[in-house]
């Protein structure tokens, strides 16, 4: 029986319709609405052109949010991807014996805990009076140490960033472990016969063979850094004095606290452009490496 020309389209059409309705249309609608002044309590739309974007970039809270997201990205790449890679290499080396599964499970477990539970736990860890962190520091100091980690504008965002590293480093580590397990064992055996030690095998055999997964993990981390919301919202809600604001919480506050829906959609477009650019960059670099 001869296949009709439209047969392949019948199979892909449900996916095309789904993506169009739930991805492309909302993005287009969001871009369109970012050029208007909108309110929850009014049906009127006032065209303002690029005024929402101008006011957004001149807003000091937005600039602080961009800086905080960037700090989150830099530290996450260093810790989640960098330290996660080191952990993956150690777990797949001969240094760890039958306990590999145990350590993988222990390190991966934080990534499946709900953000609300993690936020509440670290809220008490950072507590200036009964918190575990200050209690540990007090073991090495002669005078009482009761610093308010979440109450200081200098440390609040970094305290949240540290919390996220604890939670998600294990997730990135597991992705890298899977990639390492797919590296042909013959390559490591040949390098060992040639006299390469464990560090040399990791640097010159394992890492070059998992560079695509390292790139994927880096892009995942970058996208996650600029889509950050729940961690900050649960712990500080952007405080104190907006010092821990990120793009996600700034968007939420602009839309639902200040009722500036037009500017909120402009913030949403900035987040989309950053994350979309990171995805395109990953595709480009992956194609270059082939």
C-alpha atoms as a PDB file:
ATOM      1  CA  UNK A   1       0.000   0.000   0.000  1.00  0.00           C
ATOM      2  CA  UNK A   2       1.410   3.378  -1.039  1.00  0.00           C
ATOM      3  CA  UNK A   3       1.960   5.789   1.819  1.00  0.00           C
ATOM      4  CA  UNK A   4       0.178   9.114   1.524  1.00  0.00           C
ATOM      5  CA  UNK A   5       2.288  12.298   1.578  1.00  0.00           C
ATOM      6  CA  UNK A   6       0.475  13.558   4.655  1.00  0.00           C
ATOM      7  CA  UNK A   7       1.004  10.411   6.759  1.00  0.00           C
ATOM      8  CA  UNK A   8       4.117  11.718   8.626  1.00  0.00           C
ATOM      9  CA  UNK A   9       2.274  14.957   9.410  1.00  0.00           C
ATOM     10  CA  UNK A  10      -0.487  13.001  11.147  1.00  0.00           C
ATOM     11  CA  UNK A  11       2.076  11.684  13.619  1.00  0.00           C
ATOM     12  CA  UNK A  12       3.829  14.956  14.342  1.00  0.00           C
ATOM     13  CA  UNK A  13       0.732  17.192  14.274  1.00  0.00           C
ATOM     14  CA  UNK A  14      -0.308  16.556  17.931  1.00  0.00           C
ATOM     15  CA  UNK A  15       3.175  17.619  19.109  1.00  0.00           C
ATOM     16  CA  UNK A  16       3.167  20.656  16.799  1.00  0.00           C
ATOM     17  CA  UNK A  17      -0.263  21.738  18.067  1.00  0.00           C
ATOM     18  CA  UNK A  18       0.760  21.231  21.702  1.00  0.00           C
ATOM     19  CA  UNK A  19       4.002  23.223  21.331  1.00  0.00           C
ATOM     20  CA  UNK A  20       2.243  25.982  19.389  1.00  0.00           C
ATOM     21  CA  UNK A  21      -0.560  26.379  21.937  1.00  0.00           C
ATOM     22  CA  UNK A  22       1.495  26.039  25.123  1.00  0.00           C
ATOM     23  CA  UNK A  23       4.924  27.402  24.063  1.00  0.00           C
ATOM     24  CA  UNK A  24       4.988  29.606  20.957  1.00  0.00           C
ATOM     25  CA  UNK A  25       1.660  31.355  21.504  1.00  0.00           C
ATOM     26  CA  UNK A  26       2.381  32.325  25.160  1.00  0.00           C
ATOM     27  CA  UNK A  27       5.835  33.637  24.186  1.00  0.00           C
ATOM     28  CA  UNK A  28       4.368  35.705  21.348  1.00  0.00           C
ATOM     29  CA  UNK A  29       1.551  36.973  23.562  1.00  0.00           C
ATOM     30  CA  UNK A  30       4.031  37.873  26.306  1.00  0.00           C
ATOM     31  CA  UNK A  31       6.161  39.863  23.834  1.00  0.00           C
ATOM     32  CA  UNK A  32       3.060  41.674  22.557  1.00  0.00           C
ATOM     33  CA  UNK A  33       1.820  42.566  26.049  1.00  0.00           C
ATOM     34  CA  UNK A  34       5.251  43.877  27.094  1.00  0.00           C
ATOM     35  CA  UNK A  35       4.581  46.972  24.948  1.00  0.00           C
ATOM     36  CA  UNK A  36       1.437  47.896  26.922  1.00  0.00           C
ATOM     37  CA  UNK A  37       0.584  49.270  30.341  1.00  0.00           C
ATOM     38  CA  UNK A  38      -1.717  46.715  31.949  1.00  0.00           C
ATOM     39  CA  UNK A  39      -3.582  46.345  35.218  1.00  0.00           C
ATOM     40  CA  UNK A  40      -5.361  43.435  36.850  1.00  0.00           C
ATOM     41  CA  UNK A  41      -8.309  45.678  37.671  1.00  0.00           C
ATOM     42  CA  UNK A  42      -8.794  47.201  34.227  1.00  0.00           C
ATOM     43  CA  UNK A  43      -9.529  45.835  30.759  1.00  0.00           C
ATOM     44  CA  UNK A  44      -7.834  48.814  29.094  1.00  0.00           C
ATOM     45  CA  UNK A  45      -4.446  48.396  27.418  1.00  0.00           C
ATOM     46  CA  UNK A  46      -2.346  51.525  26.932  1.00  0.00           C
ATOM     47  CA  UNK A  47       0.366  51.233  24.297  1.00  0.00           C
ATOM     48  CA  UNK A  48       3.656  52.546  25.693  1.00  0.00           C
ATOM     49  CA  UNK A  49       6.182  51.116  23.229  1.00  0.00           C
ATOM     50  CA  UNK A  50       9.539  50.358  24.869  1.00  0.00           C
ATOM     51  CA  UNK A  51       8.697  52.362  27.998  1.00  0.00           C
ATOM     52  CA  UNK A  52       8.315  49.192  30.104  1.00  0.00           C
ATOM     53  CA  UNK A  53      11.803  48.066  29.083  1.00  0.00           C
ATOM     54  CA  UNK A  54      13.316  51.505  29.739  1.00  0.00           C
ATOM     55  CA  UNK A  55      11.746  51.775  33.192  1.00  0.00           C
ATOM     56  CA  UNK A  56      12.788  48.209  33.949  1.00  0.00           C
ATOM     57  CA  UNK A  57      16.474  48.796  33.105  1.00  0.00           C
ATOM     58  CA  UNK A  58      16.511  52.057  35.073  1.00  0.00           C
ATOM     59  CA  UNK A  59      15.006  50.309  38.113  1.00  0.00           C
ATOM     60  CA  UNK A  60      17.806  49.705  40.694  1.00  0.00           C
ATOM     61  CA  UNK A  61      16.024  46.585  41.994  1.00  0.00           C
ATOM     62  CA  UNK A  62      16.124  45.060  38.495  1.00  0.00           C
ATOM     63  CA  UNK A  63      19.849  45.777  38.230  1.00  0.00           C
ATOM     64  CA  UNK A  64      20.397  44.196  41.636  1.00  0.00           C
ATOM     65  CA  UNK A  65      18.395  41.157  40.509  1.00  0.00           C
ATOM     66  CA  UNK A  66      20.562  40.770  37.379  1.00  0.00           C
ATOM     67  CA  UNK A  67      23.720  40.941  39.510  1.00  0.00           C
ATOM     68  CA  UNK A  68      22.357  38.355  41.970  1.00  0.00           C
ATOM     69  CA  UNK A  69      21.378  35.966  39.166  1.00  0.00           C
ATOM     70  CA  UNK A  70      24.840  36.375  37.654  1.00  0.00           C
ATOM     71  CA  UNK A  71      26.497  35.616  40.997  1.00  0.00           C
ATOM     72  CA  UNK A  72      24.288  32.549  41.263  1.00  0.00           C
ATOM     73  CA  UNK A  73      25.334  31.437  37.765  1.00  0.00           C
ATOM     74  CA  UNK A  74      29.075  31.883  38.385  1.00  0.00           C
ATOM     75  CA  UNK A  75      29.074  30.097  41.742  1.00  0.00           C
ATOM     76  CA  UNK A  76      26.806  27.322  40.436  1.00  0.00           C
ATOM     77  CA  UNK A  77      29.101  26.610  37.486  1.00  0.00           C
ATOM     78  CA  UNK A  78      32.106  26.438  39.811  1.00  0.00           C
ATOM     79  CA  UNK A  79      30.407  24.309  42.477  1.00  0.00           C
ATOM     80  CA  UNK A  80      27.711  22.271  40.737  1.00  0.00           C
ATOM     81  CA  UNK A  81      29.607  21.558  37.520  1.00  0.00           C
ATOM     82  CA  UNK A  82      33.198  21.872  38.762  1.00  0.00           C
ATOM     83  CA  UNK A  83      32.901  20.185  42.152  1.00  0.00           C
ATOM     84  CA  UNK A  84      30.209  17.840  40.800  1.00  0.00           C
ATOM     85  CA  UNK A  85      32.676  16.675  38.147  1.00  0.00           C
ATOM     86  CA  UNK A  86      35.330  16.022  40.810  1.00  0.00           C
ATOM     87  CA  UNK A  87      32.837  14.012  42.866  1.00  0.00           C
ATOM     88  CA  UNK A  88      31.790  12.008  39.781  1.00  0.00           C
ATOM     89  CA  UNK A  89      35.418  11.211  38.915  1.00  0.00           C
ATOM     90  CA  UNK A  90      36.120  10.098  42.493  1.00  0.00           C
ATOM     91  CA  UNK A  91      33.005   7.911  42.670  1.00  0.00           C
ATOM     92  CA  UNK A  92      33.892   6.189  39.393  1.00  0.00           C
ATOM     93  CA  UNK A  93      37.554   5.726  40.333  1.00  0.00           C
ATOM     94  CA  UNK A  94      39.156   2.778  42.079  1.00  0.00           C
ATOM     95  CA  UNK A  95      39.305   4.799  45.306  1.00  0.00           C
ATOM     96  CA  UNK A  96      35.667   3.923  46.044  1.00  0.00           C
ATOM     97  CA  UNK A  97      34.778   0.275  46.276  1.00  0.00           C
ATOM     98  CA  UNK A  98      31.407  -1.319  46.906  1.00  0.00           C
ATOM     99  CA  UNK A  99      30.158   1.850  48.615  1.00  0.00           C
ATOM    100  CA  UNK A 100      29.650   3.669  45.278  1.00  0.00           C
ATOM    101  CA  UNK A 101      25.877   3.216  45.281  1.00  0.00           C
ATOM    102  CA  UNK A 102      25.630   4.408  48.872  1.00  0.00           C
ATOM    103  CA  UNK A 103      27.576   7.617  48.208  1.00  0.00           C
ATOM    104  CA  UNK A 104      25.652   8.294  44.986  1.00  0.00           C
ATOM    105  CA  UNK A 105      22.363   7.954  46.854  1.00  0.00           C
ATOM    106  CA  UNK A 106      23.480  10.171  49.731  1.00  0.00           C
ATOM    107  CA  UNK A 107      24.774  12.918  47.427  1.00  0.00           C
ATOM    108  CA  UNK A 108      21.748  12.758  45.100  1.00  0.00           C
ATOM    109  CA  UNK A 109      19.078  12.728  47.829  1.00  0.00           C
ATOM    110  CA  UNK A 110      19.035  16.524  48.494  1.00  0.00           C
ATOM    111  CA  UNK A 111      17.956  17.190  44.886  1.00  0.00           C
ATOM    112  CA  UNK A 112      14.651  15.339  45.395  1.00  0.00           C
ATOM    113  CA  UNK A 113      13.701  17.195  48.581  1.00  0.00           C
ATOM    114  CA  UNK A 114      11.009  19.843  48.128  1.00  0.00           C
ATOM    115  CA  UNK A 115      12.274  23.427  47.913  1.00  0.00           C
ATOM    116  CA  UNK A 116       9.953  24.472  50.732  1.00  0.00           C
ATOM    117  CA  UNK A 117      11.423  21.843  53.054  1.00  0.00           C
ATOM    118  CA  UNK A 118      15.003  22.775  52.139  1.00  0.00           C
ATOM    119  CA  UNK A 119      14.250  26.465  52.592  1.00  0.00           C
ATOM    120  CA  UNK A 120      12.746  25.865  56.044  1.00  0.00           C
ATOM    121  CA  UNK A 121      15.703  23.702  57.053  1.00  0.00           C
ATOM    122  CA  UNK A 122      18.273  26.296  56.025  1.00  0.00           C
ATOM    123  CA  UNK A 123      16.177  29.048  57.577  1.00  0.00           C
ATOM    124  CA  UNK A 124      16.909  27.428  60.932  1.00  0.00           C
ATOM    125  CA  UNK A 125      20.509  26.571  60.010  1.00  0.00           C
ATOM    126  CA  UNK A 126      21.128  30.293  59.392  1.00  0.00           C
ATOM    127  CA  UNK A 127      19.213  31.412  62.502  1.00  0.00           C
ATOM    128  CA  UNK A 128      21.492  33.796  64.455  1.00  0.00           C
ATOM    129  CA  UNK A 129      20.533  32.390  67.884  1.00  0.00           C
ATOM    130  CA  UNK A 130      19.855  28.651  67.464  1.00  0.00           C
ATOM    131  CA  UNK A 131      21.278  28.039  63.990  1.00  0.00           C
ATOM    132  CA  UNK A 132      23.708  25.183  63.316  1.00  0.00           C
ATOM    133  CA  UNK A 133      26.086  27.377  61.282  1.00  0.00           C
ATOM    134  CA  UNK A 134      26.714  29.876  64.080  1.00  0.00           C
ATOM    135  CA  UNK A 135      26.971  27.024  66.589  1.00  0.00           C
ATOM    136  CA  UNK A 136      29.740  25.419  64.525  1.00  0.00           C
ATOM    137  CA  UNK A 137      31.598  28.732  64.201  1.00  0.00           C
ATOM    138  CA  UNK A 138      31.305  29.237  67.969  1.00  0.00           C
ATOM    139  CA  UNK A 139      33.378  26.082  68.458  1.00  0.00           C
ATOM    140  CA  UNK A 140      36.381  27.950  67.071  1.00  0.00           C
ATOM    141  CA  UNK A 141      35.795  31.410  68.552  1.00  0.00           C
ATOM    142  CA  UNK A 142      36.333  32.747  72.045  1.00  0.00           C
ATOM    143  CA  UNK A 143      33.430  35.198  71.889  1.00  0.00           C
ATOM    144  CA  UNK A 144      29.765  34.418  71.042  1.00  0.00           C
ATOM    145  CA  UNK A 145      29.079  34.546  67.303  1.00  0.00           C
ATOM    146  CA  UNK A 146      25.447  35.227  66.362  1.00  0.00           C
ATOM    147  CA  UNK A 147      25.580  36.723  62.880  1.00  0.00           C
ATOM    148  CA  UNK A 148      22.245  37.024  61.015  1.00  0.00           C
ATOM    149  CA  UNK A 149      23.116  35.468  57.666  1.00  0.00           C
ATOM    150  CA  UNK A 150      19.676  36.075  56.126  1.00  0.00           C
ATOM    151  CA  UNK A 151      19.228  39.410  57.882  1.00  0.00           C
ATOM    152  CA  UNK A 152      22.265  41.080  56.348  1.00  0.00           C
ATOM    153  CA  UNK A 153      22.095  42.654  52.888  1.00  0.00           C
ATOM    154  CA  UNK A 154      25.714  41.577  52.330  1.00  0.00           C
ATOM    155  CA  UNK A 155      25.217  37.855  52.902  1.00  0.00           C
ATOM    156  CA  UNK A 156      21.528  37.021  52.254  1.00  0.00           C
ATOM    157  CA  UNK A 157      21.882  36.155  48.558  1.00  0.00           C
ATOM    158  CA  UNK A 158      25.077  34.173  49.143  1.00  0.00           C
ATOM    159  CA  UNK A 159      23.398  32.203  51.924  1.00  0.00           C
ATOM    160  CA  UNK A 160      20.650  31.242  49.470  1.00  0.00           C
ATOM    161  CA  UNK A 161      23.209  30.388  46.790  1.00  0.00           C
ATOM    162  CA  UNK A 162      25.023  28.104  49.260  1.00  0.00           C
ATOM    163  CA  UNK A 163      21.729  26.366  50.012  1.00  0.00           C
ATOM    164  CA  UNK A 164      21.152  25.690  46.307  1.00  0.00           C
ATOM    165  CA  UNK A 165      24.660  24.284  45.848  1.00  0.00           C
ATOM    166  CA  UNK A 166      24.021  21.800  48.653  1.00  0.00           C
ATOM    167  CA  UNK A 167      20.778  20.735  47.008  1.00  0.00           C
ATOM    168  CA  UNK A 168      21.690  20.450  43.320  1.00  0.00           C
ATOM    169  CA  UNK A 169      25.379  19.502  43.133  1.00  0.00           C
ATOM    170  CA  UNK A 170      24.420  15.843  43.566  1.00  0.00           C
ATOM    171  CA  UNK A 171      22.021  16.038  40.616  1.00  0.00           C
ATOM    172  CA  UNK A 172      24.723  17.336  38.273  1.00  0.00           C
ATOM    173  CA  UNK A 173      27.116  14.749  39.694  1.00  0.00           C
ATOM    174  CA  UNK A 174      24.762  11.901  38.757  1.00  0.00           C
ATOM    175  CA  UNK A 175      24.472  13.173  35.175  1.00  0.00           C
ATOM    176  CA  UNK A 176      28.259  13.207  34.918  1.00  0.00           C
ATOM    177  CA  UNK A 177      28.536   9.756  36.515  1.00  0.00           C
ATOM    178  CA  UNK A 178      26.255   8.343  33.802  1.00  0.00           C
ATOM    179  CA  UNK A 179      28.445   9.951  31.120  1.00  0.00           C
ATOM    180  CA  UNK A 180      31.632   8.582  32.705  1.00  0.00           C
ATOM    181  CA  UNK A 181      30.177   5.072  32.784  1.00  0.00           C
ATOM    182  CA  UNK A 182      29.702   5.236  29.000  1.00  0.00           C
ATOM    183  CA  UNK A 183      33.396   5.957  28.347  1.00  0.00           C
ATOM    184  CA  UNK A 184      34.970   2.780  26.845  1.00  0.00           C
ATOM    185  CA  UNK A 185      36.930   1.005  29.554  1.00  0.00           C
ATOM    186  CA  UNK A 186      39.558   0.014  26.995  1.00  0.00           C
ATOM    187  CA  UNK A 187      40.720   3.641  26.787  1.00  0.00           C
ATOM    188  CA  UNK A 188      41.424   3.819  30.506  1.00  0.00           C
ATOM    189  CA  UNK A 189      43.116   0.407  30.457  1.00  0.00           C
ATOM    190  CA  UNK A 190      45.370   1.464  27.571  1.00  0.00           C
ATOM    191  CA  UNK A 191      46.288   4.687  29.371  1.00  0.00           C
ATOM    192  CA  UNK A 192      47.043   2.732  32.553  1.00  0.00           C
ATOM    193  CA  UNK A 193      49.327   0.359  30.634  1.00  0.00           C
ATOM    194  CA  UNK A 194      51.155   3.408  29.246  1.00  0.00           C
ATOM    195  CA  UNK A 195      51.846   4.504  32.816  1.00  0.00           C
ATOM    196  CA  UNK A 196      49.148   7.158  33.321  1.00  0.00           C
ATOM    197  CA  UNK A 197      48.008   7.598  36.921  1.00  0.00           C
ATOM    198  CA  UNK A 198      44.425   8.240  38.035  1.00  0.00           C
ATOM    199  CA  UNK A 199      44.595  12.023  37.682  1.00  0.00           C
ATOM    200  CA  UNK A 200      46.161  11.808  34.224  1.00  0.00           C
ATOM    201  CA  UNK A 201      43.520   9.315  33.070  1.00  0.00           C
ATOM    202  CA  UNK A 202      40.805  11.670  34.305  1.00  0.00           C
ATOM    203  CA  UNK A 203      42.328  14.724  32.584  1.00  0.00           C
ATOM    204  CA  UNK A 204      43.313  13.170  29.259  1.00  0.00           C
ATOM    205  CA  UNK A 205      40.863  10.275  28.802  1.00  0.00           C
ATOM    206  CA  UNK A 206      37.668  10.676  30.831  1.00  0.00           C
ATOM    207  CA  UNK A 207      37.027  14.425  30.664  1.00  0.00           C
ATOM    208  CA  UNK A 208      37.604  14.761  26.859  1.00  0.00           C
ATOM    209  CA  UNK A 209      35.116  11.920  26.313  1.00  0.00           C
ATOM    210  CA  UNK A 210      32.377  13.523  28.445  1.00  0.00           C
ATOM    211  CA  UNK A 211      32.841  17.131  27.318  1.00  0.00           C
ATOM    212  CA  UNK A 212      29.384  17.214  25.714  1.00  0.00           C
ATOM    213  CA  UNK A 213      27.736  16.191  28.971  1.00  0.00           C
ATOM    214  CA  UNK A 214      29.819  18.799  30.821  1.00  0.00           C
ATOM    215  CA  UNK A 215      28.512  21.368  28.333  1.00  0.00           C
ATOM    216  CA  UNK A 216      24.914  20.189  28.833  1.00  0.00           C
ATOM    217  CA  UNK A 217      25.319  20.417  32.635  1.00  0.00           C
ATOM    218  CA  UNK A 218      26.775  23.913  32.281  1.00  0.00           C
ATOM    219  CA  UNK A 219      23.829  25.078  30.159  1.00  0.00           C
ATOM    220  CA  UNK A 220      21.344  23.488  32.583  1.00  0.00           C
ATOM    221  CA  UNK A 221      23.064  25.363  35.401  1.00  0.00           C
ATOM    222  CA  UNK A 222      23.047  28.694  33.522  1.00  0.00           C
ATOM    223  CA  UNK A 223      19.363  28.367  32.637  1.00  0.00           C
ATOM    224  CA  UNK A 224      18.510  27.378  36.212  1.00  0.00           C
ATOM    225  CA  UNK A 225      20.447  30.371  37.536  1.00  0.00           C
ATOM    226  CA  UNK A 226      18.318  32.853  35.601  1.00  0.00           C
ATOM    227  CA  UNK A 227      15.056  31.022  36.292  1.00  0.00           C
ATOM    228  CA  UNK A 228      15.710  31.099  40.042  1.00  0.00           C
ATOM    229  CA  UNK A 229      12.586  31.845  42.071  1.00  0.00           C
ATOM    230  CA  UNK A 230      11.415  29.329  44.666  1.00  0.00           C
ATOM    231  CA  UNK A 231      14.603  29.303  46.754  1.00  0.00           C
ATOM    232  CA  UNK A 232      14.568  33.076  47.240  1.00  0.00           C
ATOM    233  CA  UNK A 233      10.791  33.352  47.612  1.00  0.00           C
ATOM    234  CA  UNK A 234      10.642  30.684  50.330  1.00  0.00           C
ATOM    235  CA  UNK A 235      13.592  31.956  52.382  1.00  0.00           C
ATOM    236  CA  UNK A 236      13.773  35.768  52.086  1.00  0.00           C
ATOM    237  CA  UNK A 237      11.219  36.918  49.482  1.00  0.00           C
ATOM    238  CA  UNK A 238      13.914  39.213  48.131  1.00  0.00           C
ATOM    239  CA  UNK A 239      14.853  40.867  51.404  1.00  0.00           C
ATOM    240  CA  UNK A 240      16.372  42.418  53.335  1.00  0.00           C
ATOM    241  CA  UNK A 241      16.001  45.719  51.476  1.00  0.00           C
ATOM    242  CA  UNK A 242      15.740  43.901  48.111  1.00  0.00           C
ATOM    243  CA  UNK A 243      19.332  42.676  48.502  1.00  0.00           C
ATOM    244  CA  UNK A 244      18.432  39.092  47.543  1.00  0.00           C
ATOM    245  CA  UNK A 245      16.047  39.932  44.717  1.00  0.00           C
ATOM    246  CA  UNK A 246      16.432  37.851  41.546  1.00  0.00           C
ATOM    247  CA  UNK A 247      14.651  38.180  38.217  1.00  0.00           C
ATOM    248  CA  UNK A 248      11.960  35.666  39.192  1.00  0.00           C
ATOM    249  CA  UNK A 249      11.025  37.372  42.454  1.00  0.00           C
ATOM    250  CA  UNK A 250      11.266  40.817  40.842  1.00  0.00           C
ATOM    251  CA  UNK A 251       8.825  39.660  38.149  1.00  0.00           C
ATOM    252  CA  UNK A 252       6.460  38.259  40.798  1.00  0.00           C
ATOM    253  CA  UNK A 253       6.599  41.411  42.890  1.00  0.00           C
ATOM    254  CA  UNK A 254       6.130  43.678  39.861  1.00  0.00           C
ATOM    255  CA  UNK A 255       3.120  41.738  38.615  1.00  0.00           C
ATOM    256  CA  UNK A 256       1.255  40.831  41.803  1.00  0.00           C
ATOM    257  CA  UNK A 257       2.397  43.353  44.422  1.00  0.00           C
ATOM    258  CA  UNK A 258       2.696  46.491  42.268  1.00  0.00           C
ATOM    259  CA  UNK A 259       0.143  45.485  39.599  1.00  0.00           C
ATOM    260  CA  UNK A 260       2.516  46.508  36.770  1.00  0.00           C
ATOM    261  CA  UNK A 261       1.735  43.619  34.450  1.00  0.00           C
ATOM    262  CA  UNK A 262       3.267  45.274  31.396  1.00  0.00           C
ATOM    263  CA  UNK A 263       6.669  45.673  33.006  1.00  0.00           C
ATOM    264  CA  UNK A 264       6.408  42.169  34.458  1.00  0.00           C
ATOM    265  CA  UNK A 265       6.008  40.729  30.956  1.00  0.00           C
ATOM    266  CA  UNK A 266       9.090  42.734  29.924  1.00  0.00           C
ATOM    267  CA  UNK A 267      11.037  41.069  32.740  1.00  0.00           C
ATOM    268  CA  UNK A 268       9.717  37.740  31.510  1.00  0.00           C
ATOM    269  CA  UNK A 269      11.070  38.484  28.035  1.00  0.00           C
ATOM    270  CA  UNK A 270      14.507  39.243  29.486  1.00  0.00           C
ATOM    271  CA  UNK A 271      14.506  35.866  31.267  1.00  0.00           C
ATOM    272  CA  UNK A 272      13.385  34.157  28.053  1.00  0.00           C
ATOM    273  CA  UNK A 273      16.099  35.844  25.950  1.00  0.00           C
ATOM    274  CA  UNK A 274      18.842  34.845  28.415  1.00  0.00           C
ATOM    275  CA  UNK A 275      17.744  31.209  28.725  1.00  0.00           C
ATOM    276  CA  UNK A 276      17.019  30.859  25.001  1.00  0.00           C
ATOM    277  CA  UNK A 277      20.447  32.300  24.154  1.00  0.00           C
ATOM    278  CA  UNK A 278      22.089  29.778  26.490  1.00  0.00           C
ATOM    279  CA  UNK A 279      20.287  26.933  24.711  1.00  0.00           C
ATOM    280  CA  UNK A 280      21.308  28.186  21.256  1.00  0.00           C
ATOM    281  CA  UNK A 281      24.897  28.565  22.459  1.00  0.00           C
ATOM    282  CA  UNK A 282      24.888  24.941  23.617  1.00  0.00           C
ATOM    283  CA  UNK A 283      23.685  23.769  20.192  1.00  0.00           C
ATOM    284  CA  UNK A 284      26.307  25.838  18.402  1.00  0.00           C
ATOM    285  CA  UNK A 285      29.175  24.635  20.583  1.00  0.00           C
ATOM    286  CA  UNK A 286      28.000  21.019  20.304  1.00  0.00           C
ATOM    287  CA  UNK A 287      27.982  21.252  16.511  1.00  0.00           C
ATOM    288  CA  UNK A 288      31.472  22.802  16.483  1.00  0.00           C
ATOM    289  CA  UNK A 289      32.812  19.961  18.583  1.00  0.00           C
ATOM    290  CA  UNK A 290      31.617  17.301  16.139  1.00  0.00           C
END
